[in-house]
Amino acid sequence: MRIHVLQLIVGDKLISDSYNMVGLHLLSSGTVVDAGDILMLNRHNVEYVDIHPRGNEAINVLEEPTVRQANSTQLHSFNDAITGIKDLFAAVENGESIQNELIESAFNPMIESFQEEKDVVSLLLSLNSKDDYTYQHSVQVGMLSYYIAKWMNKSEKEALHIGKAGYLHDIGKSKIHSDILHKPAKLTNDEYNEIQKHTIYGYEIIKKSLNDNTLALVALEHHERMDGTGYPLRKKSTEIHSYSRIISVADVYSAMICNRVYQEKRDLLIVLKELHRMSFGQLDPKITQVFIRNMIPNFIGKKVSLSDGRVGTIVMTNPSDFFRPLINIDNQFLDLSQLCDVEITKIAI
């Protein structure tokens, strides 16, 4: 039985070896695939595999959701990274420079604890902090930027640099008055113009403190858009640094999935759909597609709530429409691609 990789489900058994396009052996015949195997095949751009015909055993594997909690090491390093960014904000507010040693001592251990993590969706669902949105957002963007860089086959050194750029992208908000940052009502034009200045402040802070032009450019450009509708300089397309385009995708995704004083968080899968829409003009389409392509397999096995009140489990993605998968509800299968009036409203822990 030959199927597309995005139609694999946990419990499928390969009947032939799998190789990538340059001949690297990935999985052996007889492997019973798990979510990590599916993600790995996807990352290597394998399109089709041969599996044993499916029986009830593959379905039974997916009756319980596979979301797991982050382990104690990951939680500790995540919280340390939040403490680190808080300390950096405090340093700027006190008129001090930010120190590279503090950045790396907080950020690098977190990445080390996540390096072998295959299920990014479970991480995002289970890693939450009661701290200010700005701090948690900075850590999430750093983490997601690192993952995107690795999915784009960047070296470990470059991926860490890109992750650090994401971690520091909002450092300029340390110069914005908290009354504006945390205002629950709609901002006035003057307040919105002041918020936009965080990109310029961030550029100046990083240039002065670290003398790293690339990190500074990311702070300046992460709100620029491919069609020129962003700020502060209205840059377009390749005028925007490639790192800034990566951080923009991570920034938009994290902002949408987090609670903010003026915005309820939105569901992870729904936000991916919004990113897909934004890739037609605002966000770099290639980077956005890399992100979506690597996130989608993480949703296999996750419990979902539907707009009609039913609850089920994602058992198969739809290669022609990632956002309308096959759902298992009490051993009955619901193909959302055939039901335009039913939507996924929530991915559950």
C-alpha atoms as a PDB file:
ATOM      1  CA  MET A   1       0.000   0.000   0.000  1.00  0.00           C
ATOM      2  CA  ARG A   2       1.742   3.160  -1.237  1.00  0.00           C
ATOM      3  CA  ILE A   3       0.702   6.420   0.447  1.00  0.00           C
ATOM      4  CA  HIS A   4       1.821  10.028   0.764  1.00  0.00           C
ATOM      5  CA  VAL A   5       3.905  10.745   3.898  1.00  0.00           C
ATOM      6  CA  LEU A   6       1.306  13.236   5.154  1.00  0.00           C
ATOM      7  CA  GLN A   7      -1.254  10.395   5.134  1.00  0.00           C
ATOM      8  CA  LEU A   8       0.824   8.267   7.523  1.00  0.00           C
ATOM      9  CA  ILE A   9      -0.621   7.619  10.959  1.00  0.00           C
ATOM     10  CA  VAL A  10       1.059   6.394  14.106  1.00  0.00           C
ATOM     11  CA  GLY A  11       1.139   2.589  14.021  1.00  0.00           C
ATOM     12  CA  ASP A  12       1.617   2.186  10.249  1.00  0.00           C
ATOM     13  CA  LYS A  13       4.252  -0.453   9.422  1.00  0.00           C
ATOM     14  CA  LEU A  14       6.726   0.071   6.571  1.00  0.00           C
ATOM     15  CA  ILE A  15       7.211  -2.767   4.089  1.00  0.00           C
ATOM     16  CA  SER A  16      10.292  -1.246   2.433  1.00  0.00           C
ATOM     17  CA  ASP A  17      13.296   0.825   3.468  1.00  0.00           C
ATOM     18  CA  SER A  18      12.922   4.572   3.210  1.00  0.00           C
ATOM     19  CA  TYR A  19      15.640   6.881   1.805  1.00  0.00           C
ATOM     20  CA  ASN A  20      15.838  10.607   1.193  1.00  0.00           C
ATOM     21  CA  MET A  21      16.578  12.182  -2.189  1.00  0.00           C
ATOM     22  CA  VAL A  22      20.364  11.869  -1.757  1.00  0.00           C
ATOM     23  CA  GLY A  23      20.188   8.207  -0.773  1.00  0.00           C
ATOM     24  CA  LEU A  24      20.483   8.554   3.021  1.00  0.00           C
ATOM     25  CA  HIS A  25      18.800   5.616   4.764  1.00  0.00           C
ATOM     26  CA  LEU A  26      16.080   6.910   7.097  1.00  0.00           C
ATOM     27  CA  LEU A  27      13.865   4.016   8.217  1.00  0.00           C
ATOM     28  CA  SER A  28      14.070   0.251   7.752  1.00  0.00           C
ATOM     29  CA  SER A  29      11.430  -2.093   6.446  1.00  0.00           C
ATOM     30  CA  GLY A  30       9.326  -3.345   9.350  1.00  0.00           C
ATOM     31  CA  THR A  31       9.462  -0.059  11.289  1.00  0.00           C
ATOM     32  CA  VAL A  32       6.220   0.755  13.093  1.00  0.00           C
ATOM     33  CA  VAL A  33       6.196   4.520  12.714  1.00  0.00           C
ATOM     34  CA  ASP A  34       5.579   6.975  15.523  1.00  0.00           C
ATOM     35  CA  ALA A  35       4.931  10.727  15.332  1.00  0.00           C
ATOM     36  CA  GLY A  36       8.680  11.440  15.353  1.00  0.00           C
ATOM     37  CA  ASP A  37       9.276   9.127  12.391  1.00  0.00           C
ATOM     38  CA  ILE A  38       6.533  10.860  10.402  1.00  0.00           C
ATOM     39  CA  LEU A  39       8.043  14.247  11.203  1.00  0.00           C
ATOM     40  CA  MET A  40      11.538  13.057  10.242  1.00  0.00           C
ATOM     41  CA  LEU A  41      10.358  11.703   6.860  1.00  0.00           C
ATOM     42  CA  ASN A  42       8.584  14.985   6.277  1.00  0.00           C
ATOM     43  CA  ARG A  43      11.704  17.012   7.094  1.00  0.00           C
ATOM     44  CA  HIS A  44      13.715  14.971   4.572  1.00  0.00           C
ATOM     45  CA  ASN A  45      11.088  15.752   1.889  1.00  0.00           C
ATOM     46  CA  VAL A  46      10.166  12.092   1.413  1.00  0.00           C
ATOM     47  CA  GLU A  47       6.856  12.061  -0.444  1.00  0.00           C
ATOM     48  CA  TYR A  48       5.715   8.412  -0.591  1.00  0.00           C
ATOM     49  CA  VAL A  49       6.279   5.251   1.469  1.00  0.00           C
ATOM     50  CA  ASP A  50       5.045   1.664   1.283  1.00  0.00           C
ATOM     51  CA  ILE A  51       3.122   0.321   4.287  1.00  0.00           C
ATOM     52  CA  HIS A  52       1.262  -2.841   5.292  1.00  0.00           C
ATOM     53  CA  PRO A  53      -2.490  -2.643   4.661  1.00  0.00           C
ATOM     54  CA  ARG A  54      -4.078  -1.060   7.688  1.00  0.00           C
ATOM     55  CA  GLY A  55      -6.059  -3.023  10.239  1.00  0.00           C
ATOM     56  CA  ASN A  56      -7.752  -2.005  13.446  1.00  0.00           C
ATOM     57  CA  GLU A  57      -4.433  -1.964  15.281  1.00  0.00           C
ATOM     58  CA  ALA A  58      -3.370   1.333  13.660  1.00  0.00           C
ATOM     59  CA  ILE A  59      -6.640   2.950  14.679  1.00  0.00           C
ATOM     60  CA  ASN A  60      -6.451   1.676  18.246  1.00  0.00           C
ATOM     61  CA  VAL A  61      -3.057   3.289  18.754  1.00  0.00           C
ATOM     62  CA  LEU A  62      -4.709   6.660  18.231  1.00  0.00           C
ATOM     63  CA  GLU A  63      -7.686   6.341  20.556  1.00  0.00           C
ATOM     64  CA  GLU A  64      -5.895   8.398  23.230  1.00  0.00           C
ATOM     65  CA  PRO A  65      -4.352  11.802  22.487  1.00  0.00           C
ATOM     66  CA  THR A  66      -0.557  11.835  22.393  1.00  0.00           C
ATOM     67  CA  VAL A  67       0.030  15.285  23.887  1.00  0.00           C
ATOM     68  CA  ARG A  68       2.518  15.004  26.715  1.00  0.00           C
ATOM     69  CA  GLN A  69       3.810  17.461  29.232  1.00  0.00           C
ATOM     70  CA  ALA A  70       7.282  18.958  28.995  1.00  0.00           C
ATOM     71  CA  ASN A  71       9.753  17.224  31.316  1.00  0.00           C
ATOM     72  CA  SER A  72      11.262  18.867  34.394  1.00  0.00           C
ATOM     73  CA  THR A  73      14.499  19.797  32.612  1.00  0.00           C
ATOM     74  CA  GLN A  74      12.583  21.517  29.810  1.00  0.00           C
ATOM     75  CA  LEU A  75      10.323  23.348  32.260  1.00  0.00           C
ATOM     76  CA  HIS A  76      13.329  24.490  34.303  1.00  0.00           C
ATOM     77  CA  SER A  77      15.253  25.723  31.267  1.00  0.00           C
ATOM     78  CA  PHE A  78      12.133  27.446  29.875  1.00  0.00           C
ATOM     79  CA  ASN A  79      11.620  29.307  33.150  1.00  0.00           C
ATOM     80  CA  ASP A  80      15.327  30.192  33.305  1.00  0.00           C
ATOM     81  CA  ALA A  81      15.065  31.652  29.795  1.00  0.00           C
ATOM     82  CA  ILE A  82      12.124  33.790  30.938  1.00  0.00           C
ATOM     83  CA  THR A  83      14.109  34.962  33.961  1.00  0.00           C
ATOM     84  CA  GLY A  84      16.987  35.782  31.608  1.00  0.00           C
ATOM     85  CA  ILE A  85      14.911  37.979  29.314  1.00  0.00           C
ATOM     86  CA  LYS A  86      13.374  39.729  32.342  1.00  0.00           C
ATOM     87  CA  ASP A  87      16.895  40.500  33.577  1.00  0.00           C
ATOM     88  CA  LEU A  88      17.831  41.877  30.150  1.00  0.00           C
ATOM     89  CA  PHE A  89      14.776  44.156  30.133  1.00  0.00           C
ATOM     90  CA  ALA A  90      15.617  45.325  33.642  1.00  0.00           C
ATOM     91  CA  ALA A  91      19.207  46.090  32.633  1.00  0.00           C
ATOM     92  CA  VAL A  92      18.034  48.315  29.767  1.00  0.00           C
ATOM     93  CA  GLU A  93      15.480  50.054  31.984  1.00  0.00           C
ATOM     94  CA  ASN A  94      18.327  50.820  34.424  1.00  0.00           C
ATOM     95  CA  GLY A  95      20.418  52.347  31.657  1.00  0.00           C
ATOM     96  CA  GLU A  96      22.810  49.391  31.483  1.00  0.00           C
ATOM     97  CA  SER A  97      24.029  47.456  28.447  1.00  0.00           C
ATOM     98  CA  ILE A  98      22.872  43.888  27.820  1.00  0.00           C
ATOM     99  CA  GLN A  99      25.564  41.242  28.209  1.00  0.00           C
ATOM    100  CA  ASN A 100      26.121  38.404  25.754  1.00  0.00           C
ATOM    101  CA  GLU A 101      27.079  36.081  28.626  1.00  0.00           C
ATOM    102  CA  LEU A 102      23.670  36.563  30.259  1.00  0.00           C
ATOM    103  CA  ILE A 103      21.883  35.993  26.947  1.00  0.00           C
ATOM    104  CA  GLU A 104      23.674  32.732  26.188  1.00  0.00           C
ATOM    105  CA  SER A 105      23.526  31.411  29.769  1.00  0.00           C
ATOM    106  CA  ALA A 106      19.726  31.744  29.684  1.00  0.00           C
ATOM    107  CA  PHE A 107      18.944  30.876  26.059  1.00  0.00           C
ATOM    108  CA  ASN A 108      21.432  28.154  25.088  1.00  0.00           C
ATOM    109  CA  PRO A 109      20.543  25.669  27.887  1.00  0.00           C
ATOM    110  CA  MET A 110      16.884  25.896  26.895  1.00  0.00           C
ATOM    111  CA  ILE A 111      17.706  25.029  23.299  1.00  0.00           C
ATOM    112  CA  GLU A 112      19.919  22.148  24.459  1.00  0.00           C
ATOM    113  CA  SER A 113      16.999  20.717  26.448  1.00  0.00           C
ATOM    114  CA  PHE A 114      14.722  20.966  23.389  1.00  0.00           C
ATOM    115  CA  GLN A 115      17.142  19.776  20.687  1.00  0.00           C
ATOM    116  CA  GLU A 116      15.841  16.208  20.587  1.00  0.00           C
ATOM    117  CA  GLU A 117      12.202  17.235  20.976  1.00  0.00           C
ATOM    118  CA  LYS A 118      10.148  16.162  17.967  1.00  0.00           C
ATOM    119  CA  ASP A 119       6.686  17.252  19.066  1.00  0.00           C
ATOM    120  CA  VAL A 120       6.773  21.058  19.006  1.00  0.00           C
ATOM    121  CA  VAL A 121       2.992  21.291  19.331  1.00  0.00           C
ATOM    122  CA  SER A 122       3.032  19.433  22.665  1.00  0.00           C
ATOM    123  CA  LEU A 123       5.777  21.789  23.854  1.00  0.00           C
ATOM    124  CA  LEU A 124       3.721  24.853  22.988  1.00  0.00           C
ATOM    125  CA  LEU A 125       0.632  23.394  24.658  1.00  0.00           C
ATOM    126  CA  SER A 126       2.417  22.457  27.883  1.00  0.00           C
ATOM    127  CA  LEU A 127       4.946  25.286  28.331  1.00  0.00           C
ATOM    128  CA  ASN A 128       3.145  28.221  29.839  1.00  0.00           C
ATOM    129  CA  SER A 129       4.293  30.904  32.234  1.00  0.00           C
ATOM    130  CA  LYS A 130       2.327  33.258  34.449  1.00  0.00           C
ATOM    131  CA  ASP A 131       4.849  35.963  33.629  1.00  0.00           C
ATOM    132  CA  ASP A 132       4.142  38.985  31.469  1.00  0.00           C
ATOM    133  CA  TYR A 133       3.230  38.137  27.868  1.00  0.00           C
ATOM    134  CA  THR A 134       6.261  40.028  26.528  1.00  0.00           C
ATOM    135  CA  TYR A 135       8.715  37.736  28.329  1.00  0.00           C
ATOM    136  CA  GLN A 136       7.023  34.447  27.403  1.00  0.00           C
ATOM    137  CA  HIS A 137       6.628  35.654  23.826  1.00  0.00           C
ATOM    138  CA  SER A 138      10.359  36.444  23.570  1.00  0.00           C
ATOM    139  CA  VAL A 139      11.258  32.933  24.720  1.00  0.00           C
ATOM    140  CA  GLN A 140       8.735  31.287  22.377  1.00  0.00           C
ATOM    141  CA  VAL A 141       9.965  33.283  19.395  1.00  0.00           C
ATOM    142  CA  GLY A 142      13.559  32.334  20.182  1.00  0.00           C
ATOM    143  CA  MET A 143      12.610  28.657  20.423  1.00  0.00           C
ATOM    144  CA  LEU A 144      10.475  28.657  17.258  1.00  0.00           C
ATOM    145  CA  SER A 145      13.085  30.607  15.280  1.00  0.00           C
ATOM    146  CA  TYR A 146      15.673  27.984  16.207  1.00  0.00           C
ATOM    147  CA  TYR A 147      13.353  25.174  15.052  1.00  0.00           C
ATOM    148  CA  ILE A 148      12.564  26.905  11.760  1.00  0.00           C
ATOM    149  CA  ALA A 149      16.296  27.395  11.102  1.00  0.00           C
ATOM    150  CA  LYS A 150      16.954  23.701  11.740  1.00  0.00           C
ATOM    151  CA  TRP A 151      14.027  22.733   9.493  1.00  0.00           C
ATOM    152  CA  MET A 152      15.642  24.886   6.800  1.00  0.00           C
ATOM    153  CA  ASN A 153      18.820  22.787   7.224  1.00  0.00           C
ATOM    154  CA  LYS A 154      20.861  25.582   8.786  1.00  0.00           C
ATOM    155  CA  SER A 155      23.942  24.533  10.758  1.00  0.00           C
ATOM    156  CA  GLU A 156      23.648  24.281  14.534  1.00  0.00           C
ATOM    157  CA  LYS A 157      25.783  27.409  14.956  1.00  0.00           C
ATOM    158  CA  GLU A 158      23.627  29.440  12.569  1.00  0.00           C
ATOM    159  CA  ALA A 159      20.384  28.086  14.036  1.00  0.00           C
ATOM    160  CA  LEU A 160      21.509  29.164  17.521  1.00  0.00           C
ATOM    161  CA  HIS A 161      22.300  32.646  16.193  1.00  0.00           C
ATOM    162  CA  ILE A 162      18.861  32.862  14.579  1.00  0.00           C
ATOM    163  CA  GLY A 163      17.275  31.608  17.804  1.00  0.00           C
ATOM    164  CA  LYS A 164      19.153  34.274  19.772  1.00  0.00           C
ATOM    165  CA  ALA A 165      17.879  36.897  17.316  1.00  0.00           C
ATOM    166  CA  GLY A 166      14.339  35.713  18.032  1.00  0.00           C
ATOM    167  CA  TYR A 167      14.971  35.783  21.780  1.00  0.00           C
ATOM    168  CA  LEU A 168      16.105  39.425  21.576  1.00  0.00           C
ATOM    169  CA  HIS A 169      13.723  40.653  18.867  1.00  0.00           C
ATOM    170  CA  ASP A 170      11.494  42.617  21.276  1.00  0.00           C
ATOM    171  CA  ILE A 171      14.201  43.993  23.589  1.00  0.00           C
ATOM    172  CA  GLY A 172      13.254  47.501  22.418  1.00  0.00           C
ATOM    173  CA  LYS A 173       9.945  47.159  24.308  1.00  0.00           C
ATOM    174  CA  SER A 174      11.980  47.730  27.467  1.00  0.00           C
ATOM    175  CA  LYS A 175      11.942  51.389  26.390  1.00  0.00           C
ATOM    176  CA  ILE A 176       8.136  51.518  26.030  1.00  0.00           C
ATOM    177  CA  HIS A 177       6.113  52.656  29.062  1.00  0.00           C
ATOM    178  CA  SER A 178       4.233  49.749  30.675  1.00  0.00           C
ATOM    179  CA  ASP A 179       0.953  51.679  30.554  1.00  0.00           C
ATOM    180  CA  ILE A 180       1.107  51.500  26.763  1.00  0.00           C
ATOM    181  CA  LEU A 181       2.416  47.919  26.574  1.00  0.00           C
ATOM    182  CA  HIS A 182      -0.352  46.607  28.845  1.00  0.00           C
ATOM    183  CA  LYS A 183      -3.194  48.877  27.836  1.00  0.00           C
ATOM    184  CA  PRO A 184      -6.346  46.714  27.459  1.00  0.00           C
ATOM    185  CA  ALA A 185      -8.202  49.263  25.328  1.00  0.00           C
ATOM    186  CA  LYS A 186      -7.471  50.272  21.760  1.00  0.00           C
ATOM    187  CA  LEU A 187      -4.295  52.323  21.416  1.00  0.00           C
ATOM    188  CA  THR A 188      -4.451  55.919  20.246  1.00  0.00           C
ATOM    189  CA  ASN A 189      -2.517  56.834  17.109  1.00  0.00           C
ATOM    190  CA  ASP A 190       0.237  58.385  19.234  1.00  0.00           C
ATOM    191  CA  GLU A 191       0.452  55.273  21.416  1.00  0.00           C
ATOM    192  CA  TYR A 192       0.581  53.000  18.379  1.00  0.00           C
ATOM    193  CA  ASN A 193       3.356  55.116  16.879  1.00  0.00           C
ATOM    194  CA  GLU A 194       5.273  54.810  20.161  1.00  0.00           C
ATOM    195  CA  ILE A 195       4.831  50.997  20.170  1.00  0.00           C
ATOM    196  CA  GLN A 196       6.259  50.841  16.653  1.00  0.00           C
ATOM    197  CA  LYS A 197       9.413  52.552  17.894  1.00  0.00           C
ATOM    198  CA  HIS A 198      10.383  49.401  19.825  1.00  0.00           C
ATOM    199  CA  THR A 199      11.978  48.154  16.603  1.00  0.00           C
ATOM    200  CA  ILE A 200      14.259  51.200  16.429  1.00  0.00           C
ATOM    201  CA  TYR A 201      14.986  51.085  20.162  1.00  0.00           C
ATOM    202  CA  GLY A 202      15.894  47.404  19.871  1.00  0.00           C
ATOM    203  CA  TYR A 203      18.267  48.089  16.988  1.00  0.00           C
ATOM    204  CA  GLU A 204      20.021  50.800  18.979  1.00  0.00           C
ATOM    205  CA  ILE A 205      20.257  48.704  22.173  1.00  0.00           C
ATOM    206  CA  ILE A 206      21.784  45.684  20.407  1.00  0.00           C
ATOM    207  CA  LYS A 207      24.176  47.721  18.284  1.00  0.00           C
ATOM    208  CA  LYS A 208      25.453  49.545  21.354  1.00  0.00           C
ATOM    209  CA  SER A 209      25.621  46.508  23.647  1.00  0.00           C
ATOM    210  CA  LEU A 210      26.652  43.626  21.411  1.00  0.00           C
ATOM    211  CA  ASN A 211      27.995  45.189  18.224  1.00  0.00           C
ATOM    212  CA  ASP A 212      26.165  42.494  16.246  1.00  0.00           C
ATOM    213  CA  ASN A 213      24.632  44.055  13.145  1.00  0.00           C
ATOM    214  CA  THR A 214      22.582  40.960  12.250  1.00  0.00           C
ATOM    215  CA  LEU A 215      20.898  40.691  15.651  1.00  0.00           C
ATOM    216  CA  ALA A 216      20.277  44.439  15.533  1.00  0.00           C
ATOM    217  CA  LEU A 217      18.726  44.212  12.047  1.00  0.00           C
ATOM    218  CA  VAL A 218      16.314  41.512  13.209  1.00  0.00           C
ATOM    219  CA  ALA A 219      15.142  43.740  16.053  1.00  0.00           C
ATOM    220  CA  LEU A 220      14.642  46.529  13.509  1.00  0.00           C
ATOM    221  CA  GLU A 221      12.978  44.494  10.753  1.00  0.00           C
ATOM    222  CA  HIS A 222      10.820  41.795  12.379  1.00  0.00           C
ATOM    223  CA  HIS A 223       7.641  43.804  11.671  1.00  0.00           C
ATOM    224  CA  GLU A 224       8.543  44.482   8.037  1.00  0.00           C
ATOM    225  CA  ARG A 225       6.367  42.626   5.511  1.00  0.00           C
ATOM    226  CA  MET A 226       7.142  41.187   2.091  1.00  0.00           C
ATOM    227  CA  ASP A 227       4.600  43.478   0.404  1.00  0.00           C
ATOM    228  CA  GLY A 228       5.980  46.628   2.050  1.00  0.00           C
ATOM    229  CA  THR A 229       3.077  47.101   4.481  1.00  0.00           C
ATOM    230  CA  GLY A 230       5.185  46.643   7.633  1.00  0.00           C
ATOM    231  CA  TYR A 231       7.240  49.033   9.742  1.00  0.00           C
ATOM    232  CA  PRO A 232       9.385  50.991  10.511  1.00  0.00           C
ATOM    233  CA  LEU A 233      11.046  51.364   7.072  1.00  0.00           C
ATOM    234  CA  ARG A 234       8.440  49.794   4.726  1.00  0.00           C
ATOM    235  CA  LYS A 235      11.038  47.373   3.374  1.00  0.00           C
ATOM    236  CA  LYS A 236       9.969  44.772   0.827  1.00  0.00           C
ATOM    237  CA  SER A 237      10.898  41.201  -0.092  1.00  0.00           C
ATOM    238  CA  THR A 238      14.661  40.592  -0.166  1.00  0.00           C
ATOM    239  CA  GLU A 239      15.332  44.066   1.235  1.00  0.00           C
ATOM    240  CA  ILE A 240      14.462  42.370   4.521  1.00  0.00           C
ATOM    241  CA  HIS A 241      17.263  40.252   6.029  1.00  0.00           C
ATOM    242  CA  SER A 242      16.641  36.503   5.733  1.00  0.00           C
ATOM    243  CA  TYR A 243      16.890  36.094   9.530  1.00  0.00           C
ATOM    244  CA  SER A 244      14.259  38.807  10.005  1.00  0.00           C
ATOM    245  CA  ARG A 245      11.925  36.918   7.672  1.00  0.00           C
ATOM    246  CA  ILE A 246      12.347  33.771   9.788  1.00  0.00           C
ATOM    247  CA  ILE A 247      11.734  35.611  13.047  1.00  0.00           C
ATOM    248  CA  SER A 248       8.641  37.298  11.535  1.00  0.00           C
ATOM    249  CA  VAL A 249       6.966  33.908  11.026  1.00  0.00           C
ATOM    250  CA  ALA A 250       7.798  32.809  14.588  1.00  0.00           C
ATOM    251  CA  ASP A 251       6.727  36.203  15.953  1.00  0.00           C
ATOM    252  CA  VAL A 252       3.307  36.187  14.272  1.00  0.00           C
ATOM    253  CA  TYR A 253       2.617  32.574  15.283  1.00  0.00           C
ATOM    254  CA  SER A 254       3.587  33.094  18.922  1.00  0.00           C
ATOM    255  CA  ALA A 255       1.650  36.367  19.181  1.00  0.00           C
ATOM    256  CA  MET A 256      -1.531  34.698  17.967  1.00  0.00           C
ATOM    257  CA  ILE A 257      -1.358  31.637  20.247  1.00  0.00           C
ATOM    258  CA  CYS A 258      -0.705  33.668  23.427  1.00  0.00           C
ATOM    259  CA  ASN A 259      -3.143  35.490  25.692  1.00  0.00           C
ATOM    260  CA  ARG A 260      -2.668  39.244  25.590  1.00  0.00           C
ATOM    261  CA  VAL A 261      -4.435  42.007  27.447  1.00  0.00           C
ATOM    262  CA  TYR A 262      -6.285  43.017  24.286  1.00  0.00           C
ATOM    263  CA  GLN A 263      -6.522  39.656  22.511  1.00  0.00           C
ATOM    264  CA  GLU A 264      -7.609  36.135  23.433  1.00  0.00           C
ATOM    265  CA  LYS A 265      -5.214  33.435  22.330  1.00  0.00           C
ATOM    266  CA  ARG A 266      -6.194  31.498  19.232  1.00  0.00           C
ATOM    267  CA  ASP A 267      -5.831  27.791  18.603  1.00  0.00           C
ATOM    268  CA  LEU A 268      -2.538  26.462  17.240  1.00  0.00           C
ATOM    269  CA  LEU A 269      -3.994  24.863  14.112  1.00  0.00           C
ATOM    270  CA  ILE A 270      -6.233  27.848  13.313  1.00  0.00           C
ATOM    271  CA  VAL A 271      -3.210  30.135  13.559  1.00  0.00           C
ATOM    272  CA  LEU A 272      -1.271  27.949  11.110  1.00  0.00           C
ATOM    273  CA  LYS A 273      -4.133  28.501   8.673  1.00  0.00           C
ATOM    274  CA  GLU A 274      -3.829  32.261   9.222  1.00  0.00           C
ATOM    275  CA  LEU A 275      -0.076  32.074   8.578  1.00  0.00           C
ATOM    276  CA  HIS A 276      -0.812  30.228   5.334  1.00  0.00           C
ATOM    277  CA  ARG A 277      -3.061  33.134   4.305  1.00  0.00           C
ATOM    278  CA  MET A 278      -0.376  35.674   5.246  1.00  0.00           C
ATOM    279  CA  SER A 279       2.206  33.838   3.116  1.00  0.00           C
ATOM    280  CA  PHE A 280       0.438  35.270   0.061  1.00  0.00           C
ATOM    281  CA  GLY A 281       1.914  38.740   0.458  1.00  0.00           C
ATOM    282  CA  GLN A 282       3.016  39.502   3.997  1.00  0.00           C
ATOM    283  CA  LEU A 283       5.224  36.647   5.213  1.00  0.00           C
ATOM    284  CA  ASP A 284       7.995  34.904   3.271  1.00  0.00           C
ATOM    285  CA  PRO A 285       6.130  32.056   1.506  1.00  0.00           C
ATOM    286  CA  LYS A 286       8.991  29.549   1.507  1.00  0.00           C
ATOM    287  CA  ILE A 287       9.765  30.026   5.199  1.00  0.00           C
ATOM    288  CA  THR A 288       6.075  29.915   6.119  1.00  0.00           C
ATOM    289  CA  GLN A 289       5.571  26.685   4.182  1.00  0.00           C
ATOM    290  CA  VAL A 290       8.601  25.097   5.882  1.00  0.00           C
ATOM    291  CA  PHE A 291       7.066  26.003   9.229  1.00  0.00           C
ATOM    292  CA  ILE A 292       3.605  24.677   8.347  1.00  0.00           C
ATOM    293  CA  ARG A 293       4.974  21.513   6.738  1.00  0.00           C
ATOM    294  CA  ASN A 294       6.964  20.664   9.866  1.00  0.00           C
ATOM    295  CA  MET A 295       4.246  21.594  12.355  1.00  0.00           C
ATOM    296  CA  ILE A 296       1.346  19.727  10.733  1.00  0.00           C
ATOM    297  CA  PRO A 297       2.568  16.151  11.502  1.00  0.00           C
ATOM    298  CA  ASN A 298       2.691  17.119  15.202  1.00  0.00           C
ATOM    299  CA  PHE A 299      -1.097  17.322  15.205  1.00  0.00           C
ATOM    300  CA  ILE A 300      -1.543  13.621  14.359  1.00  0.00           C
ATOM    301  CA  GLY A 301      -2.906  11.936  17.486  1.00  0.00           C
ATOM    302  CA  LYS A 302      -4.034  15.183  19.109  1.00  0.00           C
ATOM    303  CA  LYS A 303      -7.514  15.467  20.591  1.00  0.00           C
ATOM    304  CA  VAL A 304      -9.665  18.134  18.927  1.00  0.00           C
ATOM    305  CA  SER A 305     -12.949  19.885  19.599  1.00  0.00           C
ATOM    306  CA  LEU A 306     -15.175  20.583  16.594  1.00  0.00           C
ATOM    307  CA  SER A 307     -17.542  23.469  15.924  1.00  0.00           C
ATOM    308  CA  ASP A 308     -20.558  21.121  16.151  1.00  0.00           C
ATOM    309  CA  GLY A 309     -19.643  20.079  19.710  1.00  0.00           C
ATOM    310  CA  ARG A 310     -18.097  16.708  18.936  1.00  0.00           C
ATOM    311  CA  VAL A 311     -14.654  15.672  20.174  1.00  0.00           C
ATOM    312  CA  GLY A 312     -12.280  13.379  18.311  1.00  0.00           C
ATOM    313  CA  THR A 313      -8.677  12.607  17.442  1.00  0.00           C
ATOM    314  CA  ILE A 314      -6.724  13.582  14.331  1.00  0.00           C
ATOM    315  CA  VAL A 315      -5.646  10.359  12.643  1.00  0.00           C
ATOM    316  CA  MET A 316      -4.537  11.547   9.222  1.00  0.00           C
ATOM    317  CA  THR A 317      -3.608  14.824   7.564  1.00  0.00           C
ATOM    318  CA  ASN A 318      -5.034  15.778   4.211  1.00  0.00           C
ATOM    319  CA  PRO A 319      -2.153  16.547   1.767  1.00  0.00           C
ATOM    320  CA  SER A 320      -4.421  18.750  -0.346  1.00  0.00           C
ATOM    321  CA  ASP A 321      -5.716  20.723   2.664  1.00  0.00           C
ATOM    322  CA  PHE A 322      -3.569  20.508   5.803  1.00  0.00           C
ATOM    323  CA  PHE A 323      -6.235  22.223   7.894  1.00  0.00           C
ATOM    324  CA  ARG A 324      -9.073  19.764   7.247  1.00  0.00           C
ATOM    325  CA  PRO A 325      -7.767  16.374   8.445  1.00  0.00           C
ATOM    326  CA  LEU A 326      -9.411  12.996   9.051  1.00  0.00           C
ATOM    327  CA  ILE A 327     -10.905  12.772  12.552  1.00  0.00           C
ATOM    328  CA  ASN A 328     -11.653   9.605  14.553  1.00  0.00           C
ATOM    329  CA  ILE A 329     -14.795   9.971  16.689  1.00  0.00           C
ATOM    330  CA  ASP A 330     -15.701   6.790  18.593  1.00  0.00           C
ATOM    331  CA  ASN A 331     -14.113   4.678  15.832  1.00  0.00           C
ATOM    332  CA  GLN A 332     -16.106   6.526  13.185  1.00  0.00           C
ATOM    333  CA  PHE A 333     -14.103   8.577  10.690  1.00  0.00           C
ATOM    334  CA  LEU A 334     -14.979  12.121   9.766  1.00  0.00           C
ATOM    335  CA  ASP A 335     -13.263  13.656   6.733  1.00  0.00           C
ATOM    336  CA  LEU A 336     -13.335  17.399   7.299  1.00  0.00           C
ATOM    337  CA  SER A 337     -12.380  18.040   3.682  1.00  0.00           C
ATOM    338  CA  GLN A 338     -15.866  16.799   2.805  1.00  0.00           C
ATOM    339  CA  LEU A 339     -17.642  18.849   5.503  1.00  0.00           C
ATOM    340  CA  CYS A 340     -17.275  22.559   4.832  1.00  0.00           C
ATOM    341  CA  ASP A 341     -19.628  23.520   7.694  1.00  0.00           C
ATOM    342  CA  VAL A 342     -17.558  21.794  10.434  1.00  0.00           C
ATOM    343  CA  GLU A 343     -14.352  23.366  11.761  1.00  0.00           C
ATOM    344  CA  ILE A 344     -11.720  22.473  14.346  1.00  0.00           C
ATOM    345  CA  THR A 345     -12.100  24.950  17.194  1.00  0.00           C
ATOM    346  CA  LYS A 346      -9.518  23.693  19.699  1.00  0.00           C
ATOM    347  CA  ILE A 347      -6.541  21.396  20.048  1.00  0.00           C
ATOM    348  CA  ALA A 348      -6.787  19.925  23.558  1.00  0.00           C
ATOM    349  CA  ILE A 349      -4.069  19.001  26.027  1.00  0.00           C
END
